């Protein structure tokens, strides 16, 4: 038992030394390890501690950190800007040029999205009932990823609603029988599904 404990401790110590000298990350960096994303709040001889965006402090054994891939968002943001991306699906009846313009305008409405490099849109697939559009934008604020994504999605909804374009994500069935589009009402009430206003 003592042999196993000491061998594990020695492996973590060696891994901690290697991580220190390779400079994979520093205190305060936003990183992702095994799907857990957050700020590095502690680098110790045996463990590395990360505070997630949900304010959870997770301790990783240094040997585990060394044996897994590490994404350093802070370093990426400082060098060329960190790429954010999100996908929406829009029907074939909407011109792709209009969709590109709406998505880029929604990105530029966000406070922390960079104008250079400029946001851009990729059409990633032609599906049975709609087209998949991937919006790509850049930021230098790796520590604000959740609120930036939230604001970006809000702006996309606002831009498309104002233009009268339905977002068909993740799956939406539209009956083209003359019914009203599924867009939010100006007074904030949810849309009706019978093609006309609900009786009061």
N, C-alpha and C. Protein backbone atom coordinates (compact mmCIF):
# COMPACT_ATOMS: atom_id res chain seq x y z
N UNK A 1 0.84 -1.21 0.00
CA UNK A 1 0.00 0.00 0.00
C UNK A 1 0.87 1.26 0.00
N UNK A 2 1.89 1.28 0.85
CA UNK A 2 2.79 2.42 0.90
C UNK A 2 3.52 2.61 -0.43
N UNK A 3 3.88 1.48 -1.07
CA UNK A 3 4.57 1.56 -2.36
C UNK A 3 3.68 2.21 -3.40
N UNK A 4 2.39 1.82 -3.43
CA UNK A 4 1.45 2.40 -4.38
C UNK A 4 1.25 3.89 -4.13
N UNK A 5 1.12 4.26 -2.85
CA UNK A 5 0.91 5.67 -2.51
C UNK A 5 2.12 6.50 -2.92
N UNK A 6 3.32 6.02 -2.59
CA UNK A 6 4.52 6.77 -2.91
C UNK A 6 4.75 6.87 -4.41
N UNK A 7 4.46 5.78 -5.14
CA UNK A 7 4.65 5.82 -6.59
C UNK A 7 3.69 6.81 -7.24
N UNK A 8 2.44 6.88 -6.73
CA UNK A 8 1.48 7.84 -7.25
C UNK A 8 1.90 9.27 -6.92
N UNK A 9 2.37 9.48 -5.69
CA UNK A 9 2.81 10.81 -5.29
C UNK A 9 4.01 11.26 -6.11
N UNK A 10 4.96 10.35 -6.32
CA UNK A 10 6.15 10.69 -7.11
C UNK A 10 5.76 11.03 -8.54
N UNK A 11 4.80 10.27 -9.11
CA UNK A 11 4.35 10.55 -10.48
C UNK A 11 3.72 11.93 -10.57
N UNK A 12 2.93 12.31 -9.56
CA UNK A 12 2.31 13.63 -9.56
C UNK A 12 3.34 14.74 -9.39
N UNK A 13 4.35 14.51 -8.55
CA UNK A 13 5.39 15.51 -8.34
C UNK A 13 6.18 15.73 -9.62
N UNK A 14 6.57 14.64 -10.27
CA UNK A 14 7.32 14.76 -11.53
C UNK A 14 6.48 15.47 -12.58
N UNK A 15 5.19 15.11 -12.66
CA UNK A 15 4.29 15.75 -13.63
C UNK A 15 4.15 17.24 -13.33
N UNK A 16 4.08 17.59 -12.03
CA UNK A 16 3.98 19.00 -11.66
C UNK A 16 5.20 19.79 -12.07
N UNK A 17 6.37 19.19 -11.92
CA UNK A 17 7.62 19.86 -12.33
C UNK A 17 7.64 20.05 -13.85
N UNK A 18 7.24 19.03 -14.58
CA UNK A 18 7.22 19.12 -16.04
C UNK A 18 6.25 20.19 -16.50
N UNK A 19 5.06 20.24 -15.89
CA UNK A 19 4.07 21.24 -16.27
C UNK A 19 4.56 22.66 -15.98
N UNK A 20 5.32 22.80 -14.90
CA UNK A 20 5.85 24.12 -14.55
C UNK A 20 6.85 24.62 -15.57
N UNK A 21 7.72 23.73 -16.00
CA UNK A 21 8.79 24.14 -16.91
C UNK A 21 8.36 24.17 -18.36
N UNK A 22 7.33 23.43 -18.72
CA UNK A 22 6.84 23.50 -20.11
C UNK A 22 5.95 24.71 -20.34
N UNK A 23 5.43 25.30 -19.27
CA UNK A 23 4.61 26.51 -19.41
C UNK A 23 3.30 26.27 -20.12
N UNK A 24 2.67 25.12 -19.88
CA UNK A 24 1.39 24.82 -20.54
C UNK A 24 0.31 25.82 -20.14
N UNK A 25 0.37 26.30 -18.90
CA UNK A 25 -0.59 27.29 -18.42
C UNK A 25 -0.02 27.97 -17.18
N UNK A 26 -0.64 29.11 -16.85
CA UNK A 26 -0.24 29.88 -15.68
C UNK A 26 -1.44 30.14 -14.79
N UNK A 27 -1.19 30.63 -13.59
CA UNK A 27 -2.28 31.03 -12.71
C UNK A 27 -3.11 32.13 -13.39
N UNK A 28 -4.43 31.98 -13.35
CA UNK A 28 -5.31 32.95 -13.98
C UNK A 28 -5.71 32.61 -15.40
N UNK A 29 -5.03 31.65 -16.03
CA UNK A 29 -5.39 31.25 -17.39
C UNK A 29 -6.72 30.49 -17.39
N UNK A 30 -7.47 30.64 -18.49
CA UNK A 30 -8.69 29.87 -18.70
C UNK A 30 -8.31 28.65 -19.53
N UNK A 31 -8.48 27.46 -18.97
CA UNK A 31 -8.09 26.23 -19.66
C UNK A 31 -9.23 25.23 -19.63
N UNK A 32 -9.07 24.17 -20.39
CA UNK A 32 -10.03 23.06 -20.38
C UNK A 32 -9.28 21.75 -20.26
N UNK A 33 -9.65 20.96 -19.25
CA UNK A 33 -9.07 19.64 -19.02
C UNK A 33 -10.21 18.63 -18.86
N UNK A 34 -10.21 17.61 -19.67
CA UNK A 34 -11.24 16.57 -19.60
C UNK A 34 -12.66 17.15 -19.60
N UNK A 35 -12.87 18.14 -20.43
CA UNK A 35 -14.20 18.72 -20.56
C UNK A 35 -14.57 19.72 -19.48
N UNK A 36 -13.71 19.95 -18.50
CA UNK A 36 -13.97 20.94 -17.45
C UNK A 36 -13.20 22.20 -17.79
N UNK A 37 -13.95 23.30 -17.94
CA UNK A 37 -13.37 24.58 -18.36
C UNK A 37 -13.44 25.58 -17.23
N UNK A 38 -12.33 26.31 -17.00
CA UNK A 38 -12.35 27.31 -15.94
C UNK A 38 -10.99 27.95 -15.77
N UNK A 39 -10.86 28.71 -14.69
CA UNK A 39 -9.65 29.48 -14.40
C UNK A 39 -8.72 28.68 -13.49
N UNK A 40 -7.44 28.69 -13.81
CA UNK A 40 -6.44 28.04 -12.97
C UNK A 40 -6.24 28.87 -11.71
N UNK A 41 -6.58 28.29 -10.57
CA UNK A 41 -6.47 29.03 -9.30
C UNK A 41 -5.39 28.44 -8.39
N UNK A 42 -4.79 27.32 -8.79
CA UNK A 42 -3.75 26.74 -7.96
C UNK A 42 -2.89 25.76 -8.73
N UNK A 43 -1.56 25.91 -8.58
CA UNK A 43 -0.60 24.96 -9.16
C UNK A 43 0.27 24.47 -8.01
N UNK A 44 0.05 23.22 -7.62
CA UNK A 44 0.72 22.66 -6.47
C UNK A 44 1.59 21.48 -6.89
N UNK A 45 2.32 20.97 -5.92
CA UNK A 45 3.26 19.89 -6.21
C UNK A 45 2.53 18.64 -6.69
N UNK A 46 1.34 18.39 -6.15
CA UNK A 46 0.61 17.17 -6.49
C UNK A 46 -0.61 17.40 -7.37
N UNK A 47 -1.21 18.57 -7.27
CA UNK A 47 -2.47 18.81 -7.98
C UNK A 47 -2.49 20.17 -8.67
N UNK A 48 -3.42 20.31 -9.60
CA UNK A 48 -3.75 21.58 -10.24
C UNK A 48 -5.22 21.85 -9.99
N UNK A 49 -5.54 23.05 -9.54
CA UNK A 49 -6.93 23.39 -9.22
C UNK A 49 -7.49 24.37 -10.24
N UNK A 50 -8.71 24.09 -10.66
CA UNK A 50 -9.41 24.91 -11.66
C UNK A 50 -10.76 25.31 -11.10
N UNK A 51 -11.09 26.61 -11.15
CA UNK A 51 -12.42 27.09 -10.77
C UNK A 51 -13.24 27.23 -12.04
N UNK A 52 -14.30 26.44 -12.15
CA UNK A 52 -15.13 26.45 -13.35
C UNK A 52 -15.99 27.71 -13.38
N UNK A 53 -16.68 27.91 -14.51
CA UNK A 53 -17.56 29.07 -14.65
C UNK A 53 -18.79 28.95 -13.75
N UNK A 54 -19.04 27.76 -13.20
CA UNK A 54 -20.11 27.56 -12.21
C UNK A 54 -19.60 27.74 -10.79
N UNK A 55 -18.37 28.26 -10.64
CA UNK A 55 -17.74 28.52 -9.34
C UNK A 55 -17.49 27.22 -8.57
N UNK A 56 -17.17 26.15 -9.29
CA UNK A 56 -16.78 24.89 -8.67
C UNK A 56 -15.27 24.76 -8.78
N UNK A 57 -14.61 24.42 -7.67
CA UNK A 57 -13.17 24.23 -7.68
C UNK A 57 -12.88 22.74 -7.84
N UNK A 58 -12.23 22.40 -8.96
CA UNK A 58 -11.92 21.00 -9.28
C UNK A 58 -10.41 20.80 -9.16
N UNK A 59 -10.00 19.76 -8.44
CA UNK A 59 -8.59 19.43 -8.29
C UNK A 59 -8.23 18.26 -9.20
N UNK A 60 -7.24 18.46 -10.04
CA UNK A 60 -6.76 17.41 -10.94
C UNK A 60 -5.39 16.95 -10.50
N UNK A 61 -5.16 15.64 -10.37
CA UNK A 61 -3.79 15.16 -10.13
C UNK A 61 -2.89 15.57 -11.28
N UNK A 62 -1.70 16.01 -10.97
CA UNK A 62 -0.80 16.50 -12.01
C UNK A 62 -0.48 15.43 -13.05
N UNK A 63 -0.41 14.17 -12.63
CA UNK A 63 -0.16 13.11 -13.60
C UNK A 63 -1.30 12.99 -14.61
N UNK A 64 -2.54 13.24 -14.14
CA UNK A 64 -3.70 13.23 -15.04
C UNK A 64 -3.65 14.41 -16.01
N UNK A 65 -3.27 15.58 -15.49
CA UNK A 65 -3.17 16.76 -16.35
C UNK A 65 -2.12 16.55 -17.42
N UNK A 66 -0.99 15.97 -17.05
CA UNK A 66 0.10 15.77 -18.00
C UNK A 66 -0.26 14.76 -19.08
N UNK A 67 -1.08 13.78 -18.73
CA UNK A 67 -1.42 12.72 -19.69
C UNK A 67 -2.62 13.06 -20.55
N UNK A 68 -3.25 14.23 -20.32
CA UNK A 68 -4.40 14.64 -21.12
C UNK A 68 -4.09 15.92 -21.89
N UNK A 69 -4.83 16.13 -22.96
CA UNK A 69 -4.65 17.36 -23.73
C UNK A 69 -5.23 18.54 -22.95
N UNK A 70 -4.56 19.69 -23.06
CA UNK A 70 -4.97 20.91 -22.36
C UNK A 70 -5.21 22.00 -23.40
N UNK A 71 -6.36 22.63 -23.34
CA UNK A 71 -6.66 23.77 -24.20
C UNK A 71 -6.53 25.04 -23.37
N UNK A 72 -5.63 25.91 -23.78
CA UNK A 72 -5.40 27.17 -23.07
C UNK A 72 -6.10 28.29 -23.84
N UNK A 73 -7.29 28.68 -23.39
CA UNK A 73 -8.07 29.70 -24.08
C UNK A 73 -7.45 31.09 -23.92
N UNK A 74 -6.83 31.34 -22.79
CA UNK A 74 -6.23 32.65 -22.56
C UNK A 74 -5.10 32.92 -23.53
N UNK A 75 -4.26 31.92 -23.76
CA UNK A 75 -3.15 32.09 -24.70
C UNK A 75 -3.67 32.30 -26.12
N UNK A 76 -4.70 31.55 -26.51
CA UNK A 76 -5.27 31.71 -27.84
C UNK A 76 -5.86 33.11 -28.01
N UNK A 77 -6.54 33.59 -26.96
CA UNK A 77 -7.17 34.91 -27.03
C UNK A 77 -6.14 36.01 -27.17
N UNK A 78 -5.00 35.88 -26.51
CA UNK A 78 -3.96 36.91 -26.57
C UNK A 78 -3.25 36.93 -27.91
N UNK A 79 -3.09 35.76 -28.53
CA UNK A 79 -2.32 35.69 -29.77
C UNK A 79 -3.11 36.21 -30.96
N UNK A 80 -4.19 35.53 -31.35
CA UNK A 80 -4.94 35.92 -32.55
C UNK A 80 -6.42 36.14 -32.28
N UNK A 81 -6.82 36.03 -31.03
CA UNK A 81 -8.23 36.11 -30.72
C UNK A 81 -8.83 34.71 -30.64
N UNK A 82 -9.67 34.50 -29.66
CA UNK A 82 -10.29 33.20 -29.45
C UNK A 82 -11.54 33.09 -30.30
N UNK A 83 -11.65 32.02 -31.07
CA UNK A 83 -12.79 31.83 -31.98
C UNK A 83 -13.98 31.27 -31.22
N UNK A 84 -15.13 31.94 -31.34
CA UNK A 84 -16.39 31.45 -30.83
C UNK A 84 -17.24 31.02 -32.03
N UNK A 85 -18.03 29.99 -31.86
CA UNK A 85 -18.85 29.54 -32.99
C UNK A 85 -20.16 28.95 -32.48
N UNK A 86 -21.19 29.15 -33.27
CA UNK A 86 -22.50 28.60 -32.96
C UNK A 86 -23.23 28.33 -34.27
N UNK A 87 -24.15 27.38 -34.26
CA UNK A 87 -24.83 26.95 -35.48
C UNK A 87 -26.33 27.17 -35.37
N UNK A 88 -26.92 27.69 -36.45
CA UNK A 88 -28.37 27.80 -36.57
C UNK A 88 -28.78 27.15 -37.89
N UNK A 89 -30.01 26.68 -37.96
CA UNK A 89 -30.52 26.12 -39.20
C UNK A 89 -31.67 26.98 -39.69
N UNK A 90 -31.61 27.35 -40.95
CA UNK A 90 -32.58 28.24 -41.57
C UNK A 90 -33.13 27.57 -42.82
N UNK A 91 -34.40 27.79 -43.11
CA UNK A 91 -35.06 27.16 -44.25
C UNK A 91 -34.49 27.60 -45.59
N UNK A 92 -34.75 26.78 -46.61
CA UNK A 92 -34.25 27.07 -47.95
C UNK A 92 -34.94 28.28 -48.58
N UNK A 93 -36.06 28.70 -48.01
CA UNK A 93 -36.79 29.83 -48.60
C UNK A 93 -36.12 31.17 -48.29
N UNK A 94 -35.14 31.19 -47.40
CA UNK A 94 -34.45 32.43 -47.03
C UNK A 94 -33.13 32.52 -47.79
N UNK A 95 -32.85 33.59 -48.51
CA UNK A 95 -31.58 33.72 -49.24
C UNK A 95 -30.39 33.62 -48.30
N UNK A 96 -29.39 32.87 -48.72
CA UNK A 96 -28.24 32.67 -47.84
C UNK A 96 -27.51 33.98 -47.56
N UNK A 97 -27.54 34.92 -48.52
CA UNK A 97 -26.87 36.21 -48.30
C UNK A 97 -27.51 36.95 -47.12
N UNK A 98 -28.84 36.87 -47.00
CA UNK A 98 -29.53 37.53 -45.89
C UNK A 98 -29.16 36.88 -44.57
N UNK A 99 -29.06 35.56 -44.56
CA UNK A 99 -28.70 34.85 -43.33
C UNK A 99 -27.29 35.25 -42.88
N UNK A 100 -26.36 35.31 -43.83
CA UNK A 100 -25.00 35.73 -43.50
C UNK A 100 -24.99 37.13 -42.89
N UNK A 101 -25.72 38.05 -43.51
CA UNK A 101 -25.76 39.43 -43.03
C UNK A 101 -26.34 39.51 -41.62
N UNK A 102 -27.40 38.75 -41.35
CA UNK A 102 -28.04 38.79 -40.03
C UNK A 102 -27.13 38.22 -38.95
N UNK A 103 -26.45 37.12 -39.25
CA UNK A 103 -25.57 36.50 -38.26
C UNK A 103 -24.37 37.39 -37.96
N UNK A 104 -23.78 37.97 -38.98
CA UNK A 104 -22.63 38.85 -38.76
C UNK A 104 -23.04 40.10 -37.97
N UNK A 105 -24.22 40.65 -38.30
CA UNK A 105 -24.70 41.82 -37.56
C UNK A 105 -24.96 41.46 -36.09
N UNK A 106 -25.49 40.27 -35.83
CA UNK A 106 -25.73 39.82 -34.45
C UNK A 106 -24.41 39.71 -33.69
N UNK A 107 -23.36 39.22 -34.35
CA UNK A 107 -22.06 39.10 -33.70
C UNK A 107 -21.47 40.47 -33.38
N UNK A 108 -21.58 41.39 -34.32
CA UNK A 108 -21.00 42.72 -34.12
C UNK A 108 -21.77 43.52 -33.07
N UNK A 109 -23.01 43.10 -32.76
CA UNK A 109 -23.76 43.76 -31.70
C UNK A 109 -23.21 43.44 -30.32
N UNK A 110 -22.38 42.39 -30.22
CA UNK A 110 -21.83 41.98 -28.92
C UNK A 110 -20.63 42.87 -28.56
N UNK A 111 -20.59 43.26 -27.32
CA UNK A 111 -19.56 44.20 -26.86
C UNK A 111 -18.15 43.65 -27.01
N UNK A 112 -17.95 42.37 -26.70
CA UNK A 112 -16.60 41.81 -26.64
C UNK A 112 -16.21 41.03 -27.90
N UNK A 113 -16.97 41.16 -28.97
CA UNK A 113 -16.61 40.52 -30.23
C UNK A 113 -15.74 41.47 -31.05
N UNK A 114 -14.63 40.95 -31.57
CA UNK A 114 -13.71 41.77 -32.34
C UNK A 114 -14.25 42.07 -33.74
N UNK A 115 -13.99 43.28 -34.20
CA UNK A 115 -14.32 43.63 -35.59
C UNK A 115 -13.24 43.17 -36.55
N UNK A 116 -11.99 43.03 -36.05
CA UNK A 116 -10.90 42.47 -36.83
C UNK A 116 -10.15 41.48 -35.95
N UNK A 117 -10.03 40.23 -36.37
CA UNK A 117 -10.59 39.62 -37.57
C UNK A 117 -12.12 39.66 -37.56
N UNK A 118 -12.71 39.87 -38.73
CA UNK A 118 -14.15 40.04 -38.84
C UNK A 118 -14.87 38.71 -38.67
N UNK A 119 -16.09 38.74 -38.10
CA UNK A 119 -16.89 37.52 -38.04
C UNK A 119 -17.19 37.00 -39.45
N UNK A 120 -17.35 35.70 -39.56
CA UNK A 120 -17.69 35.12 -40.85
C UNK A 120 -18.62 33.93 -40.66
N UNK A 121 -19.27 33.51 -41.73
CA UNK A 121 -20.27 32.44 -41.67
C UNK A 121 -19.88 31.34 -42.64
N UNK A 122 -20.01 30.09 -42.19
CA UNK A 122 -19.81 28.91 -43.03
C UNK A 122 -21.12 28.16 -43.15
N UNK A 123 -21.44 27.70 -44.36
CA UNK A 123 -22.60 26.83 -44.55
C UNK A 123 -22.10 25.39 -44.46
N UNK A 124 -22.38 24.75 -43.32
CA UNK A 124 -21.74 23.47 -43.00
C UNK A 124 -22.46 22.27 -43.57
N UNK A 125 -23.75 22.38 -43.87
CA UNK A 125 -24.46 21.24 -44.46
C UNK A 125 -25.78 21.68 -45.07
N UNK A 126 -26.19 20.93 -46.10
CA UNK A 126 -27.49 21.12 -46.73
C UNK A 126 -28.37 19.96 -46.28
N UNK A 127 -29.26 20.22 -45.34
CA UNK A 127 -30.08 19.17 -44.75
C UNK A 127 -31.36 18.97 -45.55
N UNK A 128 -32.22 18.07 -45.08
CA UNK A 128 -33.45 17.77 -45.81
C UNK A 128 -34.39 18.97 -45.86
N UNK A 129 -34.48 19.71 -44.76
CA UNK A 129 -35.48 20.78 -44.69
C UNK A 129 -34.87 22.15 -44.44
N UNK A 130 -33.57 22.22 -44.19
CA UNK A 130 -32.95 23.51 -43.87
C UNK A 130 -31.46 23.45 -44.12
N UNK A 131 -30.83 24.61 -44.03
CA UNK A 131 -29.38 24.76 -44.21
C UNK A 131 -28.75 25.07 -42.87
N UNK A 132 -27.60 24.46 -42.58
CA UNK A 132 -26.88 24.73 -41.33
C UNK A 132 -25.85 25.83 -41.57
N UNK A 133 -25.97 26.90 -40.80
CA UNK A 133 -25.05 28.03 -40.88
C UNK A 133 -24.24 28.12 -39.59
N UNK A 134 -22.93 28.17 -39.71
CA UNK A 134 -22.05 28.28 -38.55
C UNK A 134 -21.46 29.68 -38.50
N UNK A 135 -21.79 30.42 -37.44
CA UNK A 135 -21.25 31.76 -37.22
C UNK A 135 -19.94 31.64 -36.44
N UNK A 136 -18.90 32.28 -36.94
CA UNK A 136 -17.60 32.31 -36.28
C UNK A 136 -17.23 33.75 -35.97
N UNK A 137 -16.86 34.01 -34.73
CA UNK A 137 -16.47 35.35 -34.31
C UNK A 137 -15.32 35.23 -33.31
N UNK A 138 -14.63 36.33 -33.07
CA UNK A 138 -13.41 36.29 -32.26
C UNK A 138 -13.51 37.25 -31.08
N UNK A 139 -12.88 36.85 -29.98
CA UNK A 139 -12.85 37.68 -28.78
C UNK A 139 -11.50 37.54 -28.10
N UNK A 140 -11.16 38.51 -27.27
CA UNK A 140 -9.95 38.44 -26.46
C UNK A 140 -10.28 38.27 -24.97
N UNK A 141 -11.53 37.99 -24.68
CA UNK A 141 -11.98 37.87 -23.29
C UNK A 141 -12.35 36.42 -22.99
N UNK A 142 -11.33 35.60 -22.79
CA UNK A 142 -11.58 34.18 -22.51
C UNK A 142 -12.30 33.98 -21.19
N UNK A 143 -12.18 34.94 -20.27
CA UNK A 143 -12.81 34.80 -18.97
C UNK A 143 -14.30 35.14 -19.00
N UNK A 144 -14.82 35.58 -20.15
CA UNK A 144 -16.23 35.96 -20.25
C UNK A 144 -16.97 35.09 -21.28
N UNK A 145 -16.51 33.88 -21.51
CA UNK A 145 -17.11 33.05 -22.55
C UNK A 145 -18.60 32.79 -22.35
N UNK A 146 -19.06 32.37 -21.16
CA UNK A 146 -20.51 32.11 -21.02
C UNK A 146 -21.39 33.33 -21.29
N UNK A 147 -21.09 34.52 -20.70
CA UNK A 147 -21.97 35.67 -21.02
C UNK A 147 -21.86 36.12 -22.47
N UNK A 148 -20.70 35.96 -23.10
CA UNK A 148 -20.57 36.34 -24.51
C UNK A 148 -21.43 35.43 -25.38
N UNK A 149 -21.38 34.14 -25.11
CA UNK A 149 -22.22 33.19 -25.87
C UNK A 149 -23.70 33.49 -25.65
N UNK A 150 -24.07 33.78 -24.41
CA UNK A 150 -25.47 34.08 -24.11
C UNK A 150 -25.94 35.31 -24.86
N UNK A 151 -25.14 36.37 -24.83
CA UNK A 151 -25.50 37.60 -25.54
C UNK A 151 -25.54 37.37 -27.04
N UNK A 152 -24.62 36.58 -27.55
CA UNK A 152 -24.59 36.28 -28.98
C UNK A 152 -25.88 35.59 -29.41
N UNK A 153 -26.34 34.62 -28.63
CA UNK A 153 -27.58 33.92 -28.97
C UNK A 153 -28.79 34.85 -28.86
N UNK A 154 -28.78 35.73 -27.86
CA UNK A 154 -29.87 36.71 -27.75
C UNK A 154 -29.92 37.61 -28.98
N UNK A 155 -28.76 38.09 -29.41
CA UNK A 155 -28.71 38.97 -30.57
C UNK A 155 -29.15 38.27 -31.84
N UNK A 156 -28.80 37.00 -31.96
CA UNK A 156 -29.24 36.24 -33.14
C UNK A 156 -30.76 36.15 -33.17
N UNK A 157 -31.36 35.83 -32.01
CA UNK A 157 -32.82 35.76 -31.95
C UNK A 157 -33.46 37.10 -32.31
N UNK A 158 -32.91 38.18 -31.75
CA UNK A 158 -33.47 39.52 -32.01
C UNK A 158 -33.35 39.90 -33.48
N UNK A 159 -32.19 39.67 -34.07
CA UNK A 159 -31.97 40.04 -35.46
C UNK A 159 -32.89 39.27 -36.41
N UNK A 160 -33.03 37.98 -36.19
CA UNK A 160 -33.85 37.16 -37.08
C UNK A 160 -35.33 37.45 -36.87
N UNK A 161 -35.74 37.71 -35.63
CA UNK A 161 -37.14 38.06 -35.38
C UNK A 161 -37.50 39.38 -36.04
N UNK A 162 -36.59 40.37 -35.95
CA UNK A 162 -36.84 41.67 -36.56
C UNK A 162 -36.93 41.57 -38.08
N UNK A 163 -36.18 40.63 -38.67
CA UNK A 163 -36.20 40.46 -40.13
C UNK A 163 -37.31 39.52 -40.59
N UNK A 164 -38.06 38.92 -39.64
CA UNK A 164 -39.14 38.02 -40.01
C UNK A 164 -38.67 36.67 -40.52
N UNK A 165 -37.49 36.23 -40.04
CA UNK A 165 -36.91 34.96 -40.48
C UNK A 165 -37.01 33.95 -39.35
N UNK A 166 -37.54 32.77 -39.65
CA UNK A 166 -37.68 31.72 -38.64
C UNK A 166 -36.37 30.97 -38.45
N UNK A 167 -36.00 30.76 -37.20
CA UNK A 167 -34.86 29.90 -36.86
C UNK A 167 -35.40 28.50 -36.64
N UNK A 168 -34.87 27.53 -37.37
CA UNK A 168 -35.42 26.18 -37.35
C UNK A 168 -34.51 25.23 -36.58
N UNK A 169 -33.87 25.72 -35.52
CA UNK A 169 -32.95 24.91 -34.73
C UNK A 169 -33.61 24.51 -33.41
N UNK A 170 -33.25 23.32 -32.90
CA UNK A 170 -32.46 22.27 -33.56
C UNK A 170 -33.27 21.45 -34.55
N UNK A 171 -34.60 21.44 -34.39
CA UNK A 171 -35.46 20.77 -35.35
C UNK A 171 -36.82 21.44 -35.34
N UNK A 172 -37.33 21.78 -36.50
CA UNK A 172 -38.57 22.53 -36.55
C UNK A 172 -39.32 22.11 -37.80
N UNK A 173 -40.58 21.77 -37.65
CA UNK A 173 -41.40 21.39 -38.80
C UNK A 173 -42.33 22.53 -39.14
N UNK A 174 -42.27 23.00 -40.37
CA UNK A 174 -43.10 24.11 -40.81
C UNK A 174 -44.07 23.64 -41.88
N UNK A 175 -45.37 23.85 -41.65
CA UNK A 175 -46.38 23.53 -42.64
C UNK A 175 -46.64 24.77 -43.47
N UNK A 176 -46.30 24.73 -44.73
CA UNK A 176 -46.45 25.88 -45.61
C UNK A 176 -47.88 25.92 -46.15
N UNK A 177 -48.84 26.20 -45.22
CA UNK A 177 -50.24 26.24 -45.59
C UNK A 177 -50.83 27.64 -45.38
N UNK A 178 -49.95 28.63 -45.33
CA UNK A 178 -50.42 29.99 -45.12
C UNK A 178 -50.49 30.40 -43.67
N UNK A 179 -50.07 29.52 -42.74
CA UNK A 179 -50.10 29.87 -41.33
C UNK A 179 -49.04 30.90 -41.01
N UNK A 180 -49.23 31.61 -39.90
CA UNK A 180 -48.29 32.66 -39.51
C UNK A 180 -46.96 32.05 -39.09
N UNK A 181 -45.83 32.73 -39.34
CA UNK A 181 -44.52 32.21 -38.91
C UNK A 181 -44.41 32.18 -37.39
N UNK A 182 -43.59 31.27 -36.89
CA UNK A 182 -43.41 31.11 -35.45
C UNK A 182 -42.40 32.12 -34.95
N UNK A 183 -42.82 33.38 -34.84
CA UNK A 183 -41.96 34.46 -34.36
C UNK A 183 -42.59 35.07 -33.12
N UNK A 184 -41.78 35.54 -32.18
CA UNK A 184 -42.34 36.15 -30.97
C UNK A 184 -43.10 37.42 -31.29
N UNK A 185 -44.16 37.68 -30.49
CA UNK A 185 -44.96 38.88 -30.69
C UNK A 185 -44.27 40.09 -30.08
N UNK A 186 -44.66 41.27 -30.54
CA UNK A 186 -44.03 42.50 -30.06
C UNK A 186 -44.27 42.71 -28.57
N UNK A 187 -45.40 42.19 -28.04
CA UNK A 187 -45.70 42.38 -26.63
C UNK A 187 -45.09 41.30 -25.74
N UNK A 188 -44.27 40.43 -26.34
CA UNK A 188 -43.59 39.41 -25.55
C UNK A 188 -44.36 38.12 -25.39
N UNK A 189 -45.60 38.03 -25.91
CA UNK A 189 -46.37 36.80 -25.79
C UNK A 189 -45.83 35.75 -26.74
N UNK A 190 -45.98 34.46 -26.41
CA UNK A 190 -45.51 33.41 -27.31
C UNK A 190 -46.34 33.37 -28.58
N UNK A 191 -45.78 32.85 -29.68
CA UNK A 191 -46.52 32.78 -30.93
C UNK A 191 -47.65 31.77 -30.86
N UNK A 192 -48.68 31.97 -31.66
CA UNK A 192 -49.79 31.01 -31.76
C UNK A 192 -49.46 30.01 -32.85
N UNK A 193 -50.11 28.89 -32.80
CA UNK A 193 -49.83 27.82 -33.77
C UNK A 193 -50.98 27.59 -34.72
N UNK A 194 -52.08 28.36 -34.60
CA UNK A 194 -53.25 28.09 -35.43
C UNK A 194 -53.35 29.07 -36.61
N UNK A 195 -52.26 29.85 -36.82
CA UNK A 195 -52.28 30.76 -37.94
C UNK A 195 -52.92 32.08 -37.68
N UNK A 196 -53.47 32.31 -36.49
CA UNK A 196 -54.13 33.57 -36.19
C UNK A 196 -54.06 33.86 -34.73
N UNK A 197 -54.52 35.03 -34.31
CA UNK A 197 -54.43 35.41 -32.89
C UNK A 197 -55.38 34.58 -32.04
N UNK A 198 -54.95 34.31 -30.82
CA UNK A 198 -55.83 33.58 -29.90
C UNK A 198 -56.93 34.50 -29.40
N UNK A 199 -58.11 33.95 -29.19
CA UNK A 199 -59.19 34.77 -28.65
C UNK A 199 -58.90 35.19 -27.23
N UNK A 200 -59.28 36.42 -26.89
CA UNK A 200 -59.03 36.93 -25.53
C UNK A 200 -60.03 36.29 -24.55
